[in-house]
Amino acid sequence: MATFDDFMKIDIRVGEIIKASFFEKARKPAYKLWIDFGEGIGTKQSSAQITDCYKLEDLIGKQILGVINFPPRQIADFKSEVLVLGVYAKQGVVLIEPNQKVEKGDKLG
């Protein structure tokens, strides 16, 4: 069983999607995302299987939550540096996002 201390090791921050494109080389349909986490963290990239619920043009400017301290993963020819958080729902993966605008880099805690 995970402990509270285990949870506190995970660095979950708010980022804003600034660029998105279809990830043609992914095995399952996915997007490449570039996410701005603000000063001190900067822009990170992620591969996200969210094509069932989101159109590319709807992602730009959206604030999301992401784990920024997992090791990067190489997915085809793309380095995914952040784990974007979402819920596996009946309609597909639904992103977890703040219900109010907050500062980029704000930490979940």
PDB file of N, CA and C in Angstrom:
ATOM      1  N   MET A   1       0.835  -1.172   0.000  1.00  0.00           N
ATOM      2  CA  MET A   1       0.000   0.000   0.000  1.00  0.00           C
ATOM      3  C   MET A   1       0.886   1.244   0.000  1.00  0.00           C
ATOM      4  N   ALA A   2       0.496   2.239  -0.785  1.00  0.00           N
ATOM      5  CA  ALA A   2       1.242   3.496  -0.832  1.00  0.00           C
ATOM      6  C   ALA A   2       0.978   4.312   0.427  1.00  0.00           C
ATOM      7  N   THR A   3       1.977   5.056   0.823  1.00  0.00           N
ATOM      8  CA  THR A   3       1.839   5.908   2.005  1.00  0.00           C
ATOM      9  C   THR A   3       1.732   7.370   1.569  1.00  0.00           C
ATOM     10  N   PHE A   4       1.388   8.232   2.503  1.00  0.00           N
ATOM     11  CA  PHE A   4       1.339   9.665   2.228  1.00  0.00           C
ATOM     12  C   PHE A   4       2.714  10.164   1.808  1.00  0.00           C
ATOM     13  N   ASP A   5       3.757   9.645   2.430  1.00  0.00           N
ATOM     14  CA  ASP A   5       5.121  10.032   2.052  1.00  0.00           C
ATOM     15  C   ASP A   5       5.415   9.658   0.605  1.00  0.00           C
ATOM     16  N   ASP A   6       4.907   8.499   0.152  1.00  0.00           N
ATOM     17  CA  ASP A   6       5.070   8.107  -1.250  1.00  0.00           C
ATOM     18  C   ASP A   6       4.402   9.135  -2.165  1.00  0.00           C
ATOM     19  N   PHE A   7       3.186   9.536  -1.812  1.00  0.00           N
ATOM     20  CA  PHE A   7       2.453  10.520  -2.607  1.00  0.00           C
ATOM     21  C   PHE A   7       3.213  11.845  -2.673  1.00  0.00           C
ATOM     22  N   MET A   8       3.795  12.253  -1.582  1.00  0.00           N
ATOM     23  CA  MET A   8       4.496  13.536  -1.533  1.00  0.00           C
ATOM     24  C   MET A   8       5.752  13.559  -2.406  1.00  0.00           C
ATOM     25  N   LYS A   9       6.256  12.406  -2.803  1.00  0.00           N
ATOM     26  CA  LYS A   9       7.416  12.337  -3.695  1.00  0.00           C
ATOM     27  C   LYS A   9       7.052  12.689  -5.134  1.00  0.00           C
ATOM     28  N   ILE A  10       5.773  12.612  -5.465  1.00  0.00           N
ATOM     29  CA  ILE A  10       5.319  12.885  -6.831  1.00  0.00           C
ATOM     30  C   ILE A  10       5.079  14.384  -6.977  1.00  0.00           C
ATOM     31  N   ASP A  11       5.748  14.985  -7.937  1.00  0.00           N
ATOM     32  CA  ASP A  11       5.645  16.427  -8.168  1.00  0.00           C
ATOM     33  C   ASP A  11       4.624  16.681  -9.285  1.00  0.00           C
ATOM     34  N   ILE A  12       3.409  17.057  -8.890  1.00  0.00           N
ATOM     35  CA  ILE A  12       2.317  17.298  -9.832  1.00  0.00           C
ATOM     36  C   ILE A  12       2.105  18.804  -9.940  1.00  0.00           C
ATOM     37  N   ARG A  13       2.219  19.319 -11.156  1.00  0.00           N
ATOM     38  CA  ARG A  13       2.142  20.761 -11.396  1.00  0.00           C
ATOM     39  C   ARG A  13       1.119  21.080 -12.478  1.00  0.00           C
ATOM     40  N   VAL A  14       0.712  22.342 -12.478  1.00  0.00           N
ATOM     41  CA  VAL A  14      -0.182  22.856 -13.516  1.00  0.00           C
ATOM     42  C   VAL A  14       0.665  23.377 -14.665  1.00  0.00           C
ATOM     43  N   GLY A  15       0.289  22.968 -15.860  1.00  0.00           N
ATOM     44  CA  GLY A  15       0.935  23.468 -17.067  1.00  0.00           C
ATOM     45  C   GLY A  15      -0.109  23.891 -18.076  1.00  0.00           C
ATOM     46  N   GLU A  16       0.318  24.706 -19.032  1.00  0.00           N
ATOM     47  CA  GLU A  16      -0.578  25.164 -20.091  1.00  0.00           C
ATOM     48  C   GLU A  16      -0.084  24.623 -21.428  1.00  0.00           C
ATOM     49  N   ILE A  17      -0.957  23.964 -22.157  1.00  0.00           N
ATOM     50  CA  ILE A  17      -0.589  23.410 -23.463  1.00  0.00           C
ATOM     51  C   ILE A  17      -0.400  24.572 -24.437  1.00  0.00           C
ATOM     52  N   ILE A  18       0.804  24.653 -25.015  1.00  0.00           N
ATOM     53  CA  ILE A  18       1.106  25.747 -25.934  1.00  0.00           C
ATOM     54  C   ILE A  18       1.236  25.274 -27.385  1.00  0.00           C
ATOM     55  N   LYS A  19       1.370  23.964 -27.579  1.00  0.00           N
ATOM     56  CA  LYS A  19       1.492  23.409 -28.932  1.00  0.00           C
ATOM     57  C   LYS A  19       1.033  21.960 -28.888  1.00  0.00           C
ATOM     58  N   ALA A  20       0.384  21.513 -29.958  1.00  0.00           N
ATOM     59  CA  ALA A  20      -0.069  20.124 -30.035  1.00  0.00           C
ATOM     60  C   ALA A  20      -0.063  19.678 -31.493  1.00  0.00           C
ATOM     61  N   SER A  21       0.327  18.421 -31.698  1.00  0.00           N
ATOM     62  CA  SER A  21       0.286  17.854 -33.046  1.00  0.00           C
ATOM     63  C   SER A  21      -0.033  16.364 -32.949  1.00  0.00           C
ATOM     64  N   PHE A  22      -0.526  15.799 -34.063  1.00  0.00           N
ATOM     65  CA  PHE A  22      -0.829  14.375 -34.078  1.00  0.00           C
ATOM     66  C   PHE A  22       0.480  13.586 -34.085  1.00  0.00           C
ATOM     67  N   PHE A  23       0.542  12.528 -33.293  1.00  0.00           N
ATOM     68  CA  PHE A  23       1.748  11.701 -33.164  1.00  0.00           C
ATOM     69  C   PHE A  23       1.607  10.517 -34.105  1.00  0.00           C
ATOM     70  N   GLU A  24       2.081  10.691 -35.330  1.00  0.00           N
ATOM     71  CA  GLU A  24       1.898   9.686 -36.373  1.00  0.00           C
ATOM     72  C   GLU A  24       2.612   8.373 -36.085  1.00  0.00           C
ATOM     73  N   LYS A  25       3.742   8.399 -35.394  1.00  0.00           N
ATOM     74  CA  LYS A  25       4.518   7.183 -35.159  1.00  0.00           C
ATOM     75  C   LYS A  25       4.100   6.416 -33.903  1.00  0.00           C
ATOM     76  N   ALA A  26       3.144   6.932 -33.152  1.00  0.00           N
ATOM     77  CA  ALA A  26       2.673   6.229 -31.948  1.00  0.00           C
ATOM     78  C   ALA A  26       1.896   4.976 -32.355  1.00  0.00           C
ATOM     79  N   ARG A  27       2.020   3.919 -31.534  1.00  0.00           N
ATOM     80  CA  ARG A  27       1.292   2.671 -31.819  1.00  0.00           C
ATOM     81  C   ARG A  27      -0.210   2.836 -31.670  1.00  0.00           C
ATOM     82  N   LYS A  28      -0.626   3.589 -30.654  1.00  0.00           N
ATOM     83  CA  LYS A  28      -2.040   3.896 -30.449  1.00  0.00           C
ATOM     84  C   LYS A  28      -2.223   5.383 -30.741  1.00  0.00           C
ATOM     85  N   PRO A  29      -3.401   5.789 -31.213  1.00  0.00           N
ATOM     86  CA  PRO A  29      -3.599   7.208 -31.528  1.00  0.00           C
ATOM     87  C   PRO A  29      -3.227   8.109 -30.347  1.00  0.00           C
ATOM     88  N   ALA A  30      -2.406   9.118 -30.629  1.00  0.00           N
ATOM     89  CA  ALA A  30      -1.914  10.002 -29.569  1.00  0.00           C
ATOM     90  C   ALA A  30      -1.560  11.356 -30.158  1.00  0.00           C
ATOM     91  N   TYR A  31      -1.413  12.317 -29.251  1.00  0.00           N
ATOM     92  CA  TYR A  31      -0.935  13.646 -29.613  1.00  0.00           C
ATOM     93  C   TYR A  31       0.413  13.884 -28.961  1.00  0.00           C
ATOM     94  N   LYS A  32       1.226  14.709 -29.612  1.00  0.00           N
ATOM     95  CA  LYS A  32       2.422  15.266 -29.001  1.00  0.00           C
ATOM     96  C   LYS A  32       2.003  16.605 -28.408  1.00  0.00           C
ATOM     97  N   LEU A  33       2.334  16.825 -27.149  1.00  0.00           N
ATOM     98  CA  LEU A  33       1.981  18.073 -26.475  1.00  0.00           C
ATOM     99  C   LEU A  33       3.241  18.770 -25.989  1.00  0.00           C
ATOM    100  N   TRP A  34       3.250  20.089 -26.094  1.00  0.00           N
ATOM    101  CA  TRP A  34       4.282  20.918 -25.496  1.00  0.00           C
ATOM    102  C   TRP A  34       3.570  21.742 -24.433  1.00  0.00           C
ATOM    103  N   ILE A  35       4.045  21.629 -23.203  1.00  0.00           N
ATOM    104  CA  ILE A  35       3.333  22.188 -22.052  1.00  0.00           C
ATOM    105  C   ILE A  35       4.264  23.139 -21.305  1.00  0.00           C
ATOM    106  N   ASP A  36       3.778  24.360 -21.096  1.00  0.00           N
ATOM    107  CA  ASP A  36       4.538  25.381 -20.369  1.00  0.00           C
ATOM    108  C   ASP A  36       4.182  25.298 -18.888  1.00  0.00           C
ATOM    109  N   PHE A  37       5.179  24.965 -18.066  1.00  0.00           N
ATOM    110  CA  PHE A  37       4.993  24.876 -16.622  1.00  0.00           C
ATOM    111  C   PHE A  37       5.519  26.118 -15.899  1.00  0.00           C
ATOM    112  N   GLY A  38       5.794  27.183 -16.634  1.00  0.00           N
ATOM    113  CA  GLY A  38       6.194  28.446 -16.021  1.00  0.00           C
ATOM    114  C   GLY A  38       7.677  28.526 -15.697  1.00  0.00           C
ATOM    115  N   GLU A  39       8.027  29.657 -15.061  1.00  0.00           N
ATOM    116  CA  GLU A  39       9.420  29.911 -14.699  1.00  0.00           C
ATOM    117  C   GLU A  39       9.943  28.835 -13.758  1.00  0.00           C
ATOM    118  N   GLY A  40      11.172  28.472 -13.951  1.00  0.00           N
ATOM    119  CA  GLY A  40      11.806  27.482 -13.084  1.00  0.00           C
ATOM    120  C   GLY A  40      11.672  26.061 -13.603  1.00  0.00           C
ATOM    121  N   ILE A  41      10.608  25.789 -14.333  1.00  0.00           N
ATOM    122  CA  ILE A  41      10.401  24.440 -14.895  1.00  0.00           C
ATOM    123  C   ILE A  41      10.508  24.508 -16.414  1.00  0.00           C
ATOM    124  N   GLY A  42       9.829  25.477 -17.004  1.00  0.00           N
ATOM    125  CA  GLY A  42       9.889  25.671 -18.445  1.00  0.00           C
ATOM    126  C   GLY A  42       8.916  24.805 -19.212  1.00  0.00           C
ATOM    127  N   THR A  43       9.203  24.641 -20.496  1.00  0.00           N
ATOM    128  CA  THR A  43       8.342  23.863 -21.387  1.00  0.00           C
ATOM    129  C   THR A  43       8.821  22.421 -21.439  1.00  0.00           C
ATOM    130  N   LYS A  44       7.893  21.517 -21.265  1.00  0.00           N
ATOM    131  CA  LYS A  44       8.169  20.073 -21.335  1.00  0.00           C
ATOM    132  C   LYS A  44       7.252  19.472 -22.389  1.00  0.00           C
ATOM    133  N   GLN A  45       7.643  18.322 -22.917  1.00  0.00           N
ATOM    134  CA  GLN A  45       6.821  17.660 -23.919  1.00  0.00           C
ATOM    135  C   GLN A  45       6.287  16.333 -23.398  1.00  0.00           C
ATOM    136  N   SER A  46       5.143  15.936 -23.959  1.00  0.00           N
ATOM    137  CA  SER A  46       4.495  14.711 -23.519  1.00  0.00           C
ATOM    138  C   SER A  46       3.728  14.086 -24.671  1.00  0.00           C
ATOM    139  N   SER A  47       3.651  12.775 -24.660  1.00  0.00           N
ATOM    140  CA  SER A  47       2.784  12.035 -25.560  1.00  0.00           C
ATOM    141  C   SER A  47       1.538  11.663 -24.766  1.00  0.00           C
ATOM    142  N   ALA A  48       0.363  11.935 -25.343  1.00  0.00           N
ATOM    143  CA  ALA A  48      -0.880  11.690 -24.609  1.00  0.00           C
ATOM    144  C   ALA A  48      -1.913  11.033 -25.516  1.00  0.00           C
ATOM    145  N   GLN A  49      -2.478   9.928 -25.041  1.00  0.00           N
ATOM    146  CA  GLN A  49      -3.518   9.207 -25.789  1.00  0.00           C
ATOM    147  C   GLN A  49      -4.887   9.783 -25.421  1.00  0.00           C
ATOM    148  N   ILE A  50      -5.152  10.976 -25.936  1.00  0.00           N
ATOM    149  CA  ILE A  50      -6.378  11.701 -25.594  1.00  0.00           C
ATOM    150  C   ILE A  50      -7.184  12.066 -26.840  1.00  0.00           C
ATOM    151  N   THR A  51      -6.960  11.345 -27.936  1.00  0.00           N
ATOM    152  CA  THR A  51      -7.580  11.698 -29.217  1.00  0.00           C
ATOM    153  C   THR A  51      -9.087  11.442 -29.249  1.00  0.00           C
ATOM    154  N   ASP A  52      -9.608  10.586 -28.395  1.00  0.00           N
ATOM    155  CA  ASP A  52     -11.047  10.308 -28.402  1.00  0.00           C
ATOM    156  C   ASP A  52     -11.857  11.493 -27.890  1.00  0.00           C
ATOM    157  N   CYS A  53     -11.306  12.265 -26.974  1.00  0.00           N
ATOM    158  CA  CYS A  53     -12.077  13.332 -26.316  1.00  0.00           C
ATOM    159  C   CYS A  53     -11.660  14.746 -26.702  1.00  0.00           C
ATOM    160  N   TYR A  54     -10.526  14.895 -27.396  1.00  0.00           N
ATOM    161  CA  TYR A  54     -10.014  16.247 -27.667  1.00  0.00           C
ATOM    162  C   TYR A  54      -9.576  16.398 -29.111  1.00  0.00           C
ATOM    163  N   LYS A  55      -9.895  17.550 -29.686  1.00  0.00           N
ATOM    164  CA  LYS A  55      -9.379  17.944 -30.995  1.00  0.00           C
ATOM    165  C   LYS A  55      -8.136  18.785 -30.752  1.00  0.00           C
ATOM    166  N   LEU A  56      -7.195  18.727 -31.662  1.00  0.00           N
ATOM    167  CA  LEU A  56      -5.937  19.467 -31.495  1.00  0.00           C
ATOM    168  C   LEU A  56      -6.179  20.947 -31.195  1.00  0.00           C
ATOM    169  N   GLU A  57      -7.064  21.561 -31.957  1.00  0.00           N
ATOM    170  CA  GLU A  57      -7.275  23.004 -31.800  1.00  0.00           C
ATOM    171  C   GLU A  57      -7.894  23.371 -30.452  1.00  0.00           C
ATOM    172  N   ASP A  58      -8.550  22.422 -29.797  1.00  0.00           N
ATOM    173  CA  ASP A  58      -9.164  22.686 -28.487  1.00  0.00           C
ATOM    174  C   ASP A  58      -8.170  22.577 -27.339  1.00  0.00           C
ATOM    175  N   LEU A  59      -6.980  22.038 -27.597  1.00  0.00           N
ATOM    176  CA  LEU A  59      -5.998  21.821 -26.532  1.00  0.00           C
ATOM    177  C   LEU A  59      -5.155  23.062 -26.224  1.00  0.00           C
ATOM    178  N   ILE A  60      -4.945  23.913 -27.210  1.00  0.00           N
ATOM    179  CA  ILE A  60      -4.074  25.077 -27.029  1.00  0.00           C
ATOM    180  C   ILE A  60      -4.691  26.010 -25.988  1.00  0.00           C
ATOM    181  N   GLY A  61      -3.882  26.357 -24.977  1.00  0.00           N
ATOM    182  CA  GLY A  61      -4.334  27.245 -23.910  1.00  0.00           C
ATOM    183  C   GLY A  61      -4.973  26.525 -22.730  1.00  0.00           C
ATOM    184  N   LYS A  62      -5.191  25.226 -22.855  1.00  0.00           N
ATOM    185  CA  LYS A  62      -5.814  24.453 -21.778  1.00  0.00           C
ATOM    186  C   LYS A  62      -4.801  24.203 -20.659  1.00  0.00           C
ATOM    187  N   GLN A  63      -5.225  24.422 -19.426  1.00  0.00           N
ATOM    188  CA  GLN A  63      -4.392  24.091 -18.271  1.00  0.00           C
ATOM    189  C   GLN A  63      -4.656  22.647 -17.867  1.00  0.00           C
ATOM    190  N   ILE A  64      -3.584  21.918 -17.608  1.00  0.00           N
ATOM    191  CA  ILE A  64      -3.680  20.496 -17.243  1.00  0.00           C
ATOM    192  C   ILE A  64      -2.775  20.232 -16.038  1.00  0.00           C
ATOM    193  N   LEU A  65      -2.918  19.052 -15.472  1.00  0.00           N
ATOM    194  CA  LEU A  65      -2.015  18.605 -14.414  1.00  0.00           C
ATOM    195  C   LEU A  65      -1.076  17.554 -14.982  1.00  0.00           C
ATOM    196  N   GLY A  66       0.195  17.622 -14.579  1.00  0.00           N
ATOM    197  CA  GLY A  66       1.164  16.653 -15.046  1.00  0.00           C
ATOM    198  C   GLY A  66       2.211  16.351 -13.988  1.00  0.00           C
ATOM    199  N   VAL A  67       2.698  15.110 -14.016  1.00  0.00           N
ATOM    200  CA  VAL A  67       3.795  14.697 -13.134  1.00  0.00           C
ATOM    201  C   VAL A  67       5.085  15.087 -13.834  1.00  0.00           C
ATOM    202  N   ILE A  68       5.873  15.942 -13.176  1.00  0.00           N
ATOM    203  CA  ILE A  68       7.081  16.457 -13.837  1.00  0.00           C
ATOM    204  C   ILE A  68       8.366  15.785 -13.363  1.00  0.00           C
ATOM    205  N   ASN A  69       8.286  14.884 -12.371  1.00  0.00           N
ATOM    206  CA  ASN A  69       9.538  14.298 -11.869  1.00  0.00           C
ATOM    207  C   ASN A  69       9.657  12.791 -12.108  1.00  0.00           C
ATOM    208  N   PHE A  70       8.924  12.269 -13.089  1.00  0.00           N
ATOM    209  CA  PHE A  70       9.187  10.904 -13.542  1.00  0.00           C
ATOM    210  C   PHE A  70      10.302  10.963 -14.584  1.00  0.00           C
ATOM    211  N   PRO A  71      11.051   9.876 -14.749  1.00  0.00           N
ATOM    212  CA  PRO A  71      12.086   9.884 -15.791  1.00  0.00           C
ATOM    213  C   PRO A  71      11.451   9.982 -17.183  1.00  0.00           C
ATOM    214  N   PRO A  72      12.128  10.638 -18.131  1.00  0.00           N
ATOM    215  CA  PRO A  72      11.601  10.713 -19.500  1.00  0.00           C
ATOM    216  C   PRO A  72      11.465   9.324 -20.111  1.00  0.00           C
ATOM    217  N   ARG A  73      10.494   9.196 -21.041  1.00  0.00           N
ATOM    218  CA  ARG A  73      10.293   7.931 -21.767  1.00  0.00           C
ATOM    219  C   ARG A  73      10.412   8.212 -23.253  1.00  0.00           C
ATOM    220  N   GLN A  74      11.158   7.365 -23.927  1.00  0.00           N
ATOM    221  CA  GLN A  74      11.283   7.481 -25.372  1.00  0.00           C
ATOM    222  C   GLN A  74      10.125   6.722 -26.006  1.00  0.00           C
ATOM    223  N   ILE A  75       9.315   7.414 -26.786  1.00  0.00           N
ATOM    224  CA  ILE A  75       8.181   6.799 -27.478  1.00  0.00           C
ATOM    225  C   ILE A  75       8.384   7.070 -28.958  1.00  0.00           C
ATOM    226  N   ALA A  76       8.731   6.018 -29.683  1.00  0.00           N
ATOM    227  CA  ALA A  76       9.137   6.140 -31.087  1.00  0.00           C
ATOM    228  C   ALA A  76      10.271   7.172 -31.163  1.00  0.00           C
ATOM    229  N   ASP A  77      10.092   8.245 -31.935  1.00  0.00           N
ATOM    230  CA  ASP A  77      11.155   9.242 -32.086  1.00  0.00           C
ATOM    231  C   ASP A  77      10.926  10.481 -31.210  1.00  0.00           C
ATOM    232  N   PHE A  78      10.146  10.336 -30.155  1.00  0.00           N
ATOM    233  CA  PHE A  78       9.736  11.475 -29.327  1.00  0.00           C
ATOM    234  C   PHE A  78      10.031  11.179 -27.863  1.00  0.00           C
ATOM    235  N   LYS A  79      10.644  12.163 -27.174  1.00  0.00           N
ATOM    236  CA  LYS A  79      10.919  11.994 -25.748  1.00  0.00           C
ATOM    237  C   LYS A  79       9.775  12.610 -24.959  1.00  0.00           C
ATOM    238  N   SER A  80       9.057  11.781 -24.202  1.00  0.00           N
ATOM    239  CA  SER A  80       7.963  12.245 -23.353  1.00  0.00           C
ATOM    240  C   SER A  80       8.539  12.525 -21.969  1.00  0.00           C
ATOM    241  N   GLU A  81       8.503  13.798 -21.557  1.00  0.00           N
ATOM    242  CA  GLU A  81       9.151  14.224 -20.324  1.00  0.00           C
ATOM    243  C   GLU A  81       8.194  14.370 -19.150  1.00  0.00           C
ATOM    244  N   VAL A  82       6.905  14.374 -19.422  1.00  0.00           N
ATOM    245  CA  VAL A  82       5.884  14.633 -18.416  1.00  0.00           C
ATOM    246  C   VAL A  82       4.760  13.617 -18.574  1.00  0.00           C
ATOM    247  N   LEU A  83       4.219  13.144 -17.456  1.00  0.00           N
ATOM    248  CA  LEU A  83       3.025  12.294 -17.497  1.00  0.00           C
ATOM    249  C   LEU A  83       1.814  13.192 -17.295  1.00  0.00           C
ATOM    250  N   VAL A  84       1.041  13.381 -18.358  1.00  0.00           N
ATOM    251  CA  VAL A  84      -0.184  14.165 -18.289  1.00  0.00           C
ATOM    252  C   VAL A  84      -1.240  13.310 -17.587  1.00  0.00           C
ATOM    253  N   LEU A  85      -1.947  13.904 -16.623  1.00  0.00           N
ATOM    254  CA  LEU A  85      -2.906  13.144 -15.831  1.00  0.00           C
ATOM    255  C   LEU A  85      -4.307  13.225 -16.423  1.00  0.00           C
ATOM    256  N   GLY A  86      -4.968  12.076 -16.457  1.00  0.00           N
ATOM    257  CA  GLY A  86      -6.326  11.996 -16.964  1.00  0.00           C
ATOM    258  C   GLY A  86      -7.056  10.836 -16.325  1.00  0.00           C
ATOM    259  N   VAL A  87      -8.350  10.813 -16.574  1.00  0.00           N
ATOM    260  CA  VAL A  87      -9.226   9.771 -16.054  1.00  0.00           C
ATOM    261  C   VAL A  87      -9.617   8.865 -17.216  1.00  0.00           C
ATOM    262  N   TYR A  88      -9.497   7.546 -17.018  1.00  0.00           N
ATOM    263  CA  TYR A  88      -9.952   6.594 -18.028  1.00  0.00           C
ATOM    264  C   TYR A  88     -11.468   6.467 -17.906  1.00  0.00           C
ATOM    265  N   ALA A  89     -12.181   7.154 -18.796  1.00  0.00           N
ATOM    266  CA  ALA A  89     -13.640   7.188 -18.769  1.00  0.00           C
ATOM    267  C   ALA A  89     -14.199   6.382 -19.946  1.00  0.00           C
ATOM    268  N   LYS A  90     -15.486   6.164 -19.916  1.00  0.00           N
ATOM    269  CA  LYS A  90     -16.166   5.413 -20.974  1.00  0.00           C
ATOM    270  C   LYS A  90     -15.894   6.027 -22.353  1.00  0.00           C
ATOM    271  N   GLN A  91     -15.844   7.351 -22.429  1.00  0.00           N
ATOM    272  CA  GLN A  91     -15.664   8.042 -23.704  1.00  0.00           C
ATOM    273  C   GLN A  91     -14.201   8.180 -24.122  1.00  0.00           C
ATOM    274  N   GLY A  92     -13.279   7.808 -23.245  1.00  0.00           N
ATOM    275  CA  GLY A  92     -11.849   7.937 -23.524  1.00  0.00           C
ATOM    276  C   GLY A  92     -11.166   8.618 -22.353  1.00  0.00           C
ATOM    277  N   VAL A  93      -9.922   9.008 -22.545  1.00  0.00           N
ATOM    278  CA  VAL A  93      -9.173   9.658 -21.472  1.00  0.00           C
ATOM    279  C   VAL A  93      -9.589  11.122 -21.381  1.00  0.00           C
ATOM    280  N   VAL A  94     -10.014  11.534 -20.185  1.00  0.00           N
ATOM    281  CA  VAL A  94     -10.428  12.909 -19.913  1.00  0.00           C
ATOM    282  C   VAL A  94      -9.348  13.550 -19.039  1.00  0.00           C
ATOM    283  N   LEU A  95      -8.801  14.650 -19.511  1.00  0.00           N
ATOM    284  CA  LEU A  95      -7.732  15.334 -18.789  1.00  0.00           C
ATOM    285  C   LEU A  95      -8.213  15.888 -17.453  1.00  0.00           C
ATOM    286  N   ILE A  96      -7.309  15.879 -16.474  1.00  0.00           N
ATOM    287  CA  ILE A  96      -7.577  16.515 -15.189  1.00  0.00           C
ATOM    288  C   ILE A  96      -7.053  17.948 -15.299  1.00  0.00           C
ATOM    289  N   GLU A  97      -7.942  18.899 -15.012  1.00  0.00           N
ATOM    290  CA  GLU A  97      -7.567  20.302 -15.136  1.00  0.00           C
ATOM    291  C   GLU A  97      -8.186  21.112 -14.003  1.00  0.00           C
ATOM    292  N   PRO A  98      -7.537  22.211 -13.625  1.00  0.00           N
ATOM    293  CA  PRO A  98      -8.114  23.061 -12.575  1.00  0.00           C
ATOM    294  C   PRO A  98      -9.441  23.641 -13.050  1.00  0.00           C
ATOM    295  N   ASN A  99     -10.384  23.856 -12.135  1.00  0.00           N
ATOM    296  CA  ASN A  99     -11.659  24.441 -12.552  1.00  0.00           C
ATOM    297  C   ASN A  99     -11.629  25.965 -12.484  1.00  0.00           C
ATOM    298  N   GLN A 100     -10.484  26.526 -12.105  1.00  0.00           N
ATOM    299  CA  GLN A 100     -10.237  27.961 -12.177  1.00  0.00           C
ATOM    300  C   GLN A 100      -8.848  28.162 -12.752  1.00  0.00           C
ATOM    301  N   LYS A 101      -8.631  29.294 -13.407  1.00  0.00           N
ATOM    302  CA  LYS A 101      -7.308  29.626 -13.942  1.00  0.00           C
ATOM    303  C   LYS A 101      -6.344  29.834 -12.778  1.00  0.00           C
ATOM    304  N   VAL A 102      -5.195  29.174 -12.847  1.00  0.00           N
ATOM    305  CA  VAL A 102      -4.160  29.300 -11.811  1.00  0.00           C
ATOM    306  C   VAL A 102      -2.826  29.593 -12.493  1.00  0.00           C
ATOM    307  N   GLU A 103      -1.812  29.837 -11.701  1.00  0.00           N
ATOM    308  CA  GLU A 103      -0.477  30.127 -12.243  1.00  0.00           C
ATOM    309  C   GLU A 103       0.166  28.847 -12.775  1.00  0.00           C
ATOM    310  N   LYS A 104       0.867  28.984 -13.905  1.00  0.00           N
ATOM    311  CA  LYS A 104       1.646  27.861 -14.431  1.00  0.00           C
ATOM    312  C   LYS A 104       2.684  27.471 -13.394  1.00  0.00           C
ATOM    313  N   GLY A 105       2.822  26.180 -13.164  1.00  0.00           N
ATOM    314  CA  GLY A 105       3.799  25.695 -12.204  1.00  0.00           C
ATOM    315  C   GLY A 105       3.233  25.495 -10.812  1.00  0.00           C
ATOM    316  N   ASP A 106       1.993  25.955 -10.557  1.00  0.00           N
ATOM    317  CA  ASP A 106       1.387  25.717  -9.241  1.00  0.00           C
ATOM    318  C   ASP A 106       1.371  24.225  -8.950  1.00  0.00           C
ATOM    319  N   LYS A 107       1.651  23.890  -7.700  1.00  0.00           N
ATOM    320  CA  LYS A 107       1.829  22.486  -7.295  1.00  0.00           C
ATOM    321  C   LYS A 107       0.575  21.932  -6.618  1.00  0.00           C
ATOM    322  N   LEU A 108       0.231  20.713  -6.993  1.00  0.00           N
ATOM    323  CA  LEU A 108      -0.834  19.992  -6.304  1.00  0.00           C
ATOM    324  C   LEU A 108      -0.285  19.547  -4.965  1.00  0.00           C
ATOM    325  N   GLY A 109      -1.061  19.758  -3.939  1.00  0.00           N
ATOM    326  CA  GLY A 109      -0.531  19.351  -2.654  1.00  0.00           C
ATOM    327  C   GLY A 109      -1.518  19.451  -1.528  1.00  0.00           C
TER     328      GLY A 109
END
